[in-house]
Amino acid sequence: MSRLFTIGYEGATPAALNDALVTAGVDVLVDIRAVANSRRPGFSKRALSAGVDERGLGYLHLRALGTPAEGRAAARAGRHAEMKKIFAEQLETDAAQEDLAGLIQLVRDGRKLCLLCFEREPEHCHRMMVAERVEAALTGVTLEHLHPLPASFERP
C-alpha cells in the first residue's frame, strides 16, 4: 500500500513545511500551483526547490495541475464550489491529463509524493481533487494530509 500526501503552506514557514515533509518520509514535493510564485518568502518556485533540496528531497512543478486565475479568484473569495467547477474543467485539458498521468506513474513507481498548494485545509483546495484522481486510478493508495505548524507555534 502506498501513500500520497498533500500539504498547504498557508500560515506556515518554509522550515515548518520542510520539517513536515521530512517527518512524513516524502521523497518529492510536487508543486501543483499554476503560478509557482508567492508573496510569502521562501515559497516561490526557486526558493521552495532550494529548501527541499537542502533536506534531500526532490521538487517537481506540474503547472497544468494548477488552478486557473478565475479559480484562484473564486477560492480567495471563499467560493469553493465555483473554484472546484473551474478546476474540474482544467483537469480535462490535454496538458492536465498529461501531468496527471505522469503523477500517477510516479506513485505507481513507489515514489512518496506530496502535493503542494497554498490553502491549509485540503477540502478547500484543488489539490484534494488531484489526490482523489490519483487514488481512484490506483488500487491501494491512501491519502494523508500534512499540516505544518503555523509560524506562531514554532520554537525560536
N, C-alpha and C. Protein backbone atom coordinates (compact mmCIF):
# COMPACT_ATOMS: atom_id res chain seq x y z
N MET A 1 0.86 -1.18 0.00
CA MET A 1 0.00 0.00 0.00
C MET A 1 0.90 1.24 0.00
N SER A 2 0.56 2.19 -0.82
CA SER A 2 1.35 3.42 -0.86
C SER A 2 0.50 4.60 -0.40
N ARG A 3 1.19 5.65 0.00
CA ARG A 3 0.51 6.85 0.47
C ARG A 3 0.84 8.01 -0.46
N LEU A 4 -0.13 8.89 -0.60
CA LEU A 4 0.04 10.15 -1.31
C LEU A 4 -0.29 11.24 -0.30
N PHE A 5 0.67 12.13 -0.10
CA PHE A 5 0.50 13.21 0.87
C PHE A 5 0.06 14.48 0.16
N THR A 6 -0.60 15.36 0.92
CA THR A 6 -0.87 16.72 0.45
C THR A 6 -0.49 17.67 1.57
N ILE A 7 -0.17 18.91 1.19
CA ILE A 7 0.19 19.91 2.18
C ILE A 7 -0.14 21.30 1.65
N GLY A 8 -0.57 22.18 2.54
CA GLY A 8 -0.78 23.58 2.20
C GLY A 8 0.14 24.42 3.06
N TYR A 9 0.68 25.48 2.48
CA TYR A 9 1.65 26.28 3.24
C TYR A 9 1.05 27.53 3.89
N GLU A 10 -0.25 27.69 3.81
CA GLU A 10 -0.90 28.85 4.43
C GLU A 10 -0.58 28.90 5.93
N GLY A 11 -0.02 30.01 6.38
CA GLY A 11 0.28 30.20 7.79
C GLY A 11 1.56 29.53 8.28
N ALA A 12 2.26 28.81 7.42
CA ALA A 12 3.47 28.09 7.82
C ALA A 12 4.73 28.82 7.36
N THR A 13 5.85 28.41 7.90
CA THR A 13 7.14 28.90 7.42
C THR A 13 7.75 27.82 6.53
N PRO A 14 8.71 28.18 5.70
CA PRO A 14 9.39 27.15 4.90
C PRO A 14 9.99 26.04 5.77
N ALA A 15 10.58 26.40 6.91
CA ALA A 15 11.18 25.39 7.78
C ALA A 15 10.13 24.41 8.30
N ALA A 16 8.96 24.91 8.71
CA ALA A 16 7.89 24.04 9.21
C ALA A 16 7.38 23.12 8.11
N LEU A 17 7.25 23.65 6.91
CA LEU A 17 6.81 22.84 5.78
C LEU A 17 7.82 21.73 5.52
N ASN A 18 9.10 22.08 5.45
CA ASN A 18 10.13 21.08 5.19
C ASN A 18 10.22 20.05 6.31
N ASP A 19 10.05 20.49 7.56
CA ASP A 19 10.04 19.54 8.68
C ASP A 19 8.91 18.52 8.52
N ALA A 20 7.74 18.99 8.15
CA ALA A 20 6.59 18.09 7.97
C ALA A 20 6.86 17.08 6.86
N LEU A 21 7.47 17.53 5.78
CA LEU A 21 7.78 16.63 4.66
C LEU A 21 8.78 15.56 5.07
N VAL A 22 9.85 15.97 5.76
CA VAL A 22 10.89 15.03 6.18
C VAL A 22 10.32 14.04 7.19
N THR A 23 9.55 14.52 8.15
CA THR A 23 8.96 13.65 9.16
C THR A 23 8.06 12.58 8.53
N ALA A 24 7.35 12.96 7.48
CA ALA A 24 6.44 12.01 6.80
C ALA A 24 7.19 11.05 5.88
N GLY A 25 8.44 11.32 5.59
CA GLY A 25 9.20 10.45 4.70
C GLY A 25 8.96 10.72 3.23
N VAL A 26 8.58 11.94 2.89
CA VAL A 26 8.31 12.31 1.50
C VAL A 26 9.61 12.31 0.69
N ASP A 27 9.54 11.85 -0.56
CA ASP A 27 10.68 11.87 -1.49
C ASP A 27 10.69 13.12 -2.35
N VAL A 28 9.48 13.47 -2.86
CA VAL A 28 9.37 14.56 -3.83
C VAL A 28 8.18 15.45 -3.48
N LEU A 29 8.45 16.75 -3.42
CA LEU A 29 7.38 17.73 -3.27
C LEU A 29 6.89 18.09 -4.66
N VAL A 30 5.61 17.90 -4.90
CA VAL A 30 5.02 18.18 -6.21
C VAL A 30 4.17 19.45 -6.09
N ASP A 31 4.69 20.51 -6.66
CA ASP A 31 4.05 21.82 -6.63
C ASP A 31 2.98 21.85 -7.71
N ILE A 32 1.73 21.96 -7.32
CA ILE A 32 0.64 21.98 -8.31
C ILE A 32 -0.06 23.33 -8.32
N ARG A 33 0.75 24.38 -8.19
CA ARG A 33 0.24 25.73 -8.37
C ARG A 33 0.43 26.11 -9.84
N ALA A 34 -0.56 26.77 -10.42
CA ALA A 34 -0.43 27.23 -11.80
C ALA A 34 0.70 28.25 -11.90
N VAL A 35 0.80 29.10 -10.90
CA VAL A 35 1.86 30.11 -10.83
C VAL A 35 2.66 29.83 -9.57
N ALA A 36 3.88 29.38 -9.74
CA ALA A 36 4.70 28.98 -8.59
C ALA A 36 5.45 30.17 -8.00
N ASN A 37 4.72 31.23 -7.77
CA ASN A 37 5.24 32.42 -7.10
C ASN A 37 4.44 32.61 -5.83
N SER A 38 5.02 33.35 -4.91
CA SER A 38 4.32 33.63 -3.66
C SER A 38 4.84 34.93 -3.09
N ARG A 39 3.95 35.67 -2.48
CA ARG A 39 4.36 36.87 -1.76
C ARG A 39 5.01 36.49 -0.44
N ARG A 40 4.84 35.26 -0.04
CA ARG A 40 5.41 34.78 1.21
C ARG A 40 6.84 34.33 0.97
N PRO A 41 7.80 34.88 1.68
CA PRO A 41 9.21 34.50 1.49
C PRO A 41 9.42 33.00 1.67
N GLY A 42 10.17 32.42 0.73
CA GLY A 42 10.51 31.01 0.81
C GLY A 42 9.58 30.09 0.07
N PHE A 43 8.50 30.62 -0.51
CA PHE A 43 7.52 29.76 -1.16
C PHE A 43 7.42 29.96 -2.67
N SER A 44 8.29 30.78 -3.25
CA SER A 44 8.34 30.86 -4.71
C SER A 44 9.09 29.62 -5.21
N LYS A 45 8.95 29.32 -6.47
CA LYS A 45 9.49 28.09 -7.04
C LYS A 45 10.97 27.88 -6.73
N ARG A 46 11.78 28.88 -7.00
CA ARG A 46 13.23 28.73 -6.82
C ARG A 46 13.59 28.51 -5.35
N ALA A 47 13.01 29.31 -4.46
CA ALA A 47 13.32 29.18 -3.03
C ALA A 47 12.79 27.87 -2.46
N LEU A 48 11.60 27.49 -2.86
CA LEU A 48 11.00 26.24 -2.39
C LEU A 48 11.82 25.05 -2.84
N SER A 49 12.21 25.05 -4.11
CA SER A 49 13.03 23.97 -4.65
C SER A 49 14.36 23.87 -3.91
N ALA A 50 15.00 25.00 -3.67
CA ALA A 50 16.28 25.01 -2.95
C ALA A 50 16.11 24.51 -1.52
N GLY A 51 15.02 24.91 -0.87
CA GLY A 51 14.78 24.50 0.51
C GLY A 51 14.57 23.01 0.66
N VAL A 52 13.80 22.40 -0.24
CA VAL A 52 13.59 20.96 -0.13
C VAL A 52 14.85 20.20 -0.56
N ASP A 53 15.59 20.76 -1.50
CA ASP A 53 16.84 20.14 -1.92
C ASP A 53 17.83 20.05 -0.75
N GLU A 54 17.88 21.10 0.06
CA GLU A 54 18.75 21.10 1.24
C GLU A 54 18.39 19.98 2.21
N ARG A 55 17.14 19.53 2.18
CA ARG A 55 16.68 18.44 3.06
C ARG A 55 16.75 17.09 2.36
N GLY A 56 17.30 17.05 1.14
CA GLY A 56 17.43 15.79 0.43
C GLY A 56 16.19 15.34 -0.31
N LEU A 57 15.27 16.27 -0.54
CA LEU A 57 14.03 15.95 -1.24
C LEU A 57 14.06 16.51 -2.65
N GLY A 58 13.28 15.91 -3.53
CA GLY A 58 13.13 16.42 -4.88
C GLY A 58 11.99 17.42 -4.96
N TYR A 59 11.98 18.16 -6.05
CA TYR A 59 10.94 19.15 -6.31
C TYR A 59 10.49 18.99 -7.75
N LEU A 60 9.19 19.00 -7.96
CA LEU A 60 8.61 18.89 -9.30
C LEU A 60 7.45 19.86 -9.39
N HIS A 61 7.46 20.70 -10.44
CA HIS A 61 6.36 21.63 -10.65
C HIS A 61 5.50 21.13 -11.81
N LEU A 62 4.24 20.83 -11.53
CA LEU A 62 3.28 20.38 -12.55
C LEU A 62 2.25 21.50 -12.74
N ARG A 63 2.63 22.46 -13.54
CA ARG A 63 1.85 23.68 -13.75
C ARG A 63 0.43 23.41 -14.25
N ALA A 64 0.28 22.43 -15.13
CA ALA A 64 -1.04 22.16 -15.71
C ALA A 64 -2.04 21.63 -14.68
N LEU A 65 -1.55 21.21 -13.51
CA LEU A 65 -2.45 20.76 -12.45
C LEU A 65 -2.78 21.89 -11.48
N GLY A 66 -2.47 23.12 -11.87
CA GLY A 66 -2.79 24.29 -11.07
C GLY A 66 -4.14 24.87 -11.44
N THR A 67 -4.66 25.66 -10.53
CA THR A 67 -5.96 26.30 -10.74
C THR A 67 -5.81 27.54 -11.62
N PRO A 68 -6.63 27.68 -12.66
CA PRO A 68 -6.59 28.89 -13.49
C PRO A 68 -6.91 30.14 -12.67
N ALA A 69 -6.55 31.30 -13.20
CA ALA A 69 -6.73 32.57 -12.48
C ALA A 69 -8.13 32.77 -11.95
N GLU A 70 -9.15 32.47 -12.74
CA GLU A 70 -10.52 32.68 -12.27
C GLU A 70 -10.87 31.73 -11.12
N GLY A 71 -10.28 30.55 -11.10
CA GLY A 71 -10.48 29.62 -9.99
C GLY A 71 -9.80 30.10 -8.73
N ARG A 72 -8.60 30.67 -8.88
CA ARG A 72 -7.89 31.22 -7.72
C ARG A 72 -8.67 32.39 -7.13
N ALA A 73 -9.24 33.22 -7.99
CA ALA A 73 -10.05 34.36 -7.52
C ALA A 73 -11.27 33.86 -6.75
N ALA A 74 -11.91 32.82 -7.26
CA ALA A 74 -13.07 32.25 -6.57
C ALA A 74 -12.67 31.69 -5.20
N ALA A 75 -11.52 31.01 -5.14
CA ALA A 75 -11.04 30.45 -3.87
C ALA A 75 -10.75 31.56 -2.86
N ARG A 76 -10.08 32.63 -3.31
CA ARG A 76 -9.77 33.75 -2.40
C ARG A 76 -11.05 34.38 -1.85
N ALA A 77 -12.12 34.37 -2.66
CA ALA A 77 -13.39 34.97 -2.24
C ALA A 77 -14.24 33.99 -1.41
N GLY A 78 -13.72 32.78 -1.19
CA GLY A 78 -14.45 31.80 -0.41
C GLY A 78 -15.52 31.06 -1.19
N ARG A 79 -15.50 31.18 -2.51
CA ARG A 79 -16.48 30.49 -3.37
C ARG A 79 -15.88 29.15 -3.80
N HIS A 80 -15.82 28.22 -2.86
CA HIS A 80 -15.11 26.96 -3.09
C HIS A 80 -15.79 26.08 -4.14
N ALA A 81 -17.11 26.07 -4.18
CA ALA A 81 -17.81 25.27 -5.18
C ALA A 81 -17.49 25.77 -6.59
N GLU A 82 -17.44 27.09 -6.74
CA GLU A 82 -17.11 27.68 -8.04
C GLU A 82 -15.67 27.32 -8.43
N MET A 83 -14.74 27.40 -7.48
CA MET A 83 -13.35 27.04 -7.74
C MET A 83 -13.27 25.59 -8.21
N LYS A 84 -14.00 24.70 -7.55
CA LYS A 84 -13.95 23.28 -7.90
C LYS A 84 -14.51 23.06 -9.30
N LYS A 85 -15.54 23.77 -9.67
CA LYS A 85 -16.11 23.65 -11.02
C LYS A 85 -15.11 24.10 -12.07
N ILE A 86 -14.46 25.22 -11.81
CA ILE A 86 -13.46 25.75 -12.75
C ILE A 86 -12.29 24.78 -12.85
N PHE A 87 -11.84 24.25 -11.72
CA PHE A 87 -10.71 23.34 -11.75
C PHE A 87 -11.07 22.01 -12.41
N ALA A 88 -12.30 21.56 -12.24
CA ALA A 88 -12.73 20.32 -12.90
C ALA A 88 -12.60 20.46 -14.42
N GLU A 89 -12.91 21.63 -14.94
CA GLU A 89 -12.74 21.88 -16.37
C GLU A 89 -11.26 21.88 -16.75
N GLN A 90 -10.42 22.47 -15.90
CA GLN A 90 -8.97 22.48 -16.14
C GLN A 90 -8.42 21.05 -16.18
N LEU A 91 -8.92 20.19 -15.30
CA LEU A 91 -8.44 18.81 -15.24
C LEU A 91 -8.71 18.03 -16.53
N GLU A 92 -9.66 18.48 -17.32
CA GLU A 92 -9.98 17.78 -18.57
C GLU A 92 -9.10 18.22 -19.74
N THR A 93 -8.26 19.23 -19.56
CA THR A 93 -7.40 19.68 -20.66
C THR A 93 -6.32 18.64 -20.94
N ASP A 94 -5.81 18.65 -22.15
CA ASP A 94 -4.75 17.70 -22.52
C ASP A 94 -3.52 17.84 -21.63
N ALA A 95 -3.13 19.09 -21.36
CA ALA A 95 -1.93 19.31 -20.54
C ALA A 95 -2.13 18.76 -19.12
N ALA A 96 -3.30 18.98 -18.53
CA ALA A 96 -3.56 18.48 -17.18
C ALA A 96 -3.62 16.95 -17.18
N GLN A 97 -4.22 16.37 -18.19
CA GLN A 97 -4.28 14.91 -18.28
C GLN A 97 -2.88 14.30 -18.40
N GLU A 98 -2.02 14.97 -19.14
CA GLU A 98 -0.63 14.50 -19.29
C GLU A 98 0.11 14.58 -17.95
N ASP A 99 -0.03 15.71 -17.24
CA ASP A 99 0.63 15.84 -15.94
C ASP A 99 0.05 14.85 -14.93
N LEU A 100 -1.26 14.64 -14.98
CA LEU A 100 -1.89 13.69 -14.07
C LEU A 100 -1.38 12.27 -14.33
N ALA A 101 -1.26 11.90 -15.60
CA ALA A 101 -0.74 10.57 -15.95
C ALA A 101 0.69 10.40 -15.43
N GLY A 102 1.51 11.43 -15.55
CA GLY A 102 2.87 11.37 -15.03
C GLY A 102 2.89 11.24 -13.52
N LEU A 103 2.01 11.96 -12.85
CA LEU A 103 1.90 11.89 -11.40
C LEU A 103 1.49 10.49 -10.96
N ILE A 104 0.51 9.93 -11.63
CA ILE A 104 0.04 8.58 -11.31
C ILE A 104 1.18 7.57 -11.50
N GLN A 105 1.96 7.74 -12.54
CA GLN A 105 3.07 6.81 -12.79
C GLN A 105 4.13 6.92 -11.68
N LEU A 106 4.40 8.13 -11.21
CA LEU A 106 5.37 8.28 -10.11
C LEU A 106 4.89 7.58 -8.84
N VAL A 107 3.61 7.68 -8.55
CA VAL A 107 3.05 6.99 -7.38
C VAL A 107 3.12 5.48 -7.62
N ARG A 108 2.77 5.04 -8.81
CA ARG A 108 2.83 3.61 -9.16
C ARG A 108 4.26 3.07 -8.99
N ASP A 109 5.24 3.91 -9.30
CA ASP A 109 6.65 3.51 -9.18
C ASP A 109 7.14 3.49 -7.74
N GLY A 110 6.28 3.87 -6.81
CA GLY A 110 6.63 3.79 -5.40
C GLY A 110 7.23 5.05 -4.81
N ARG A 111 7.20 6.15 -5.56
CA ARG A 111 7.71 7.41 -5.02
C ARG A 111 6.75 7.94 -3.96
N LYS A 112 7.31 8.49 -2.89
CA LYS A 112 6.49 9.10 -1.84
C LYS A 112 6.38 10.58 -2.17
N LEU A 113 5.22 10.95 -2.69
CA LEU A 113 4.98 12.30 -3.18
C LEU A 113 4.08 13.08 -2.23
N CYS A 114 4.26 14.40 -2.27
CA CYS A 114 3.38 15.29 -1.52
C CYS A 114 2.96 16.42 -2.44
N LEU A 115 1.66 16.57 -2.63
CA LEU A 115 1.10 17.64 -3.45
C LEU A 115 1.04 18.92 -2.64
N LEU A 116 1.56 20.01 -3.20
CA LEU A 116 1.61 21.28 -2.50
C LEU A 116 0.75 22.34 -3.17
N CYS A 117 0.03 23.09 -2.34
CA CYS A 117 -0.64 24.31 -2.76
C CYS A 117 -0.73 25.21 -1.54
N PHE A 118 -1.41 26.33 -1.66
CA PHE A 118 -1.44 27.33 -0.59
C PHE A 118 -2.38 26.98 0.55
N GLU A 119 -3.63 26.65 0.25
CA GLU A 119 -4.67 26.53 1.27
C GLU A 119 -4.32 25.48 2.32
N ARG A 120 -4.50 25.85 3.56
CA ARG A 120 -4.18 24.94 4.66
C ARG A 120 -5.10 23.72 4.66
N GLU A 121 -6.38 23.94 4.47
CA GLU A 121 -7.36 22.86 4.57
C GLU A 121 -7.57 22.20 3.20
N PRO A 122 -7.31 20.91 3.09
CA PRO A 122 -7.39 20.25 1.78
C PRO A 122 -8.78 20.29 1.15
N GLU A 123 -9.82 20.30 1.96
CA GLU A 123 -11.17 20.31 1.39
C GLU A 123 -11.50 21.61 0.67
N HIS A 124 -10.71 22.64 0.89
CA HIS A 124 -10.92 23.92 0.22
C HIS A 124 -9.93 24.11 -0.93
N CYS A 125 -9.18 23.09 -1.26
CA CYS A 125 -8.10 23.24 -2.23
C CYS A 125 -8.24 22.25 -3.38
N HIS A 126 -7.79 22.68 -4.54
CA HIS A 126 -7.83 21.81 -5.71
C HIS A 126 -6.91 20.60 -5.56
N ARG A 127 -5.94 20.65 -4.65
CA ARG A 127 -5.03 19.51 -4.51
C ARG A 127 -5.78 18.26 -4.07
N MET A 128 -6.90 18.45 -3.37
CA MET A 128 -7.72 17.31 -2.96
C MET A 128 -8.33 16.63 -4.19
N MET A 129 -8.74 17.43 -5.16
CA MET A 129 -9.32 16.87 -6.39
C MET A 129 -8.26 16.07 -7.16
N VAL A 130 -7.03 16.58 -7.20
CA VAL A 130 -5.93 15.86 -7.87
C VAL A 130 -5.64 14.57 -7.11
N ALA A 131 -5.53 14.65 -5.80
CA ALA A 131 -5.24 13.47 -4.98
C ALA A 131 -6.33 12.41 -5.15
N GLU A 132 -7.58 12.82 -5.21
CA GLU A 132 -8.67 11.86 -5.39
C GLU A 132 -8.60 11.18 -6.75
N ARG A 133 -8.16 11.89 -7.78
CA ARG A 133 -7.99 11.27 -9.10
C ARG A 133 -6.90 10.20 -9.06
N VAL A 134 -5.81 10.50 -8.36
CA VAL A 134 -4.73 9.51 -8.23
C VAL A 134 -5.23 8.31 -7.45
N GLU A 135 -5.92 8.56 -6.36
CA GLU A 135 -6.46 7.49 -5.53
C GLU A 135 -7.42 6.60 -6.32
N ALA A 136 -8.24 7.20 -7.18
CA ALA A 136 -9.19 6.43 -7.98
C ALA A 136 -8.49 5.60 -9.06
N ALA A 137 -7.35 6.09 -9.54
CA ALA A 137 -6.63 5.41 -10.62
C ALA A 137 -5.79 4.23 -10.13
N LEU A 138 -5.43 4.23 -8.87
CA LEU A 138 -4.52 3.22 -8.34
C LEU A 138 -5.12 2.52 -7.13
N THR A 139 -5.10 1.21 -7.15
CA THR A 139 -5.58 0.42 -6.02
C THR A 139 -4.54 0.49 -4.90
N GLY A 140 -5.00 0.68 -3.68
CA GLY A 140 -4.10 0.63 -2.54
C GLY A 140 -3.42 1.93 -2.17
N VAL A 141 -3.82 3.03 -2.79
CA VAL A 141 -3.24 4.33 -2.44
C VAL A 141 -4.12 4.98 -1.37
N THR A 142 -3.49 5.44 -0.31
CA THR A 142 -4.22 6.17 0.72
C THR A 142 -3.72 7.60 0.75
N LEU A 143 -4.62 8.50 1.06
CA LEU A 143 -4.29 9.93 1.13
C LEU A 143 -4.01 10.31 2.57
N GLU A 144 -3.00 11.16 2.74
CA GLU A 144 -2.70 11.68 4.07
C GLU A 144 -2.39 13.16 3.92
N HIS A 145 -3.05 13.96 4.73
CA HIS A 145 -2.90 15.41 4.66
C HIS A 145 -1.97 15.88 5.78
N LEU A 146 -0.89 16.52 5.39
CA LEU A 146 0.07 17.04 6.35
C LEU A 146 -0.29 18.48 6.70
N HIS A 147 -0.08 18.84 7.94
CA HIS A 147 -0.36 20.19 8.40
C HIS A 147 0.88 20.72 9.11
N PRO A 148 1.70 21.53 8.42
CA PRO A 148 2.87 22.09 9.10
C PRO A 148 2.43 23.01 10.22
N LEU A 149 3.27 23.10 11.25
CA LEU A 149 2.94 24.01 12.35
C LEU A 149 2.84 25.42 11.85
N PRO A 150 1.81 26.16 12.28
CA PRO A 150 1.74 27.58 11.94
C PRO A 150 2.96 28.32 12.49
N ALA A 151 3.33 29.40 11.86
CA ALA A 151 4.51 30.17 12.26
C ALA A 151 4.45 30.58 13.72
N SER A 152 3.27 30.84 14.24
CA SER A 152 3.13 31.28 15.63
C SER A 152 3.43 30.18 16.63
N PHE A 153 3.47 28.91 16.20
CA PHE A 153 3.71 27.80 17.11
C PHE A 153 5.14 27.27 17.06
N GLU A 154 5.95 27.78 16.15
CA GLU A 154 7.32 27.27 16.03
C GLU A 154 8.17 27.75 17.19
N ARG A 155 9.13 26.92 17.51
CA ARG A 155 10.10 27.30 18.54
C ARG A 155 11.09 28.29 17.94
N PRO A 156 11.58 29.22 18.78
CA PRO A 156 12.56 30.19 18.26
C PRO A 156 13.89 29.54 17.93
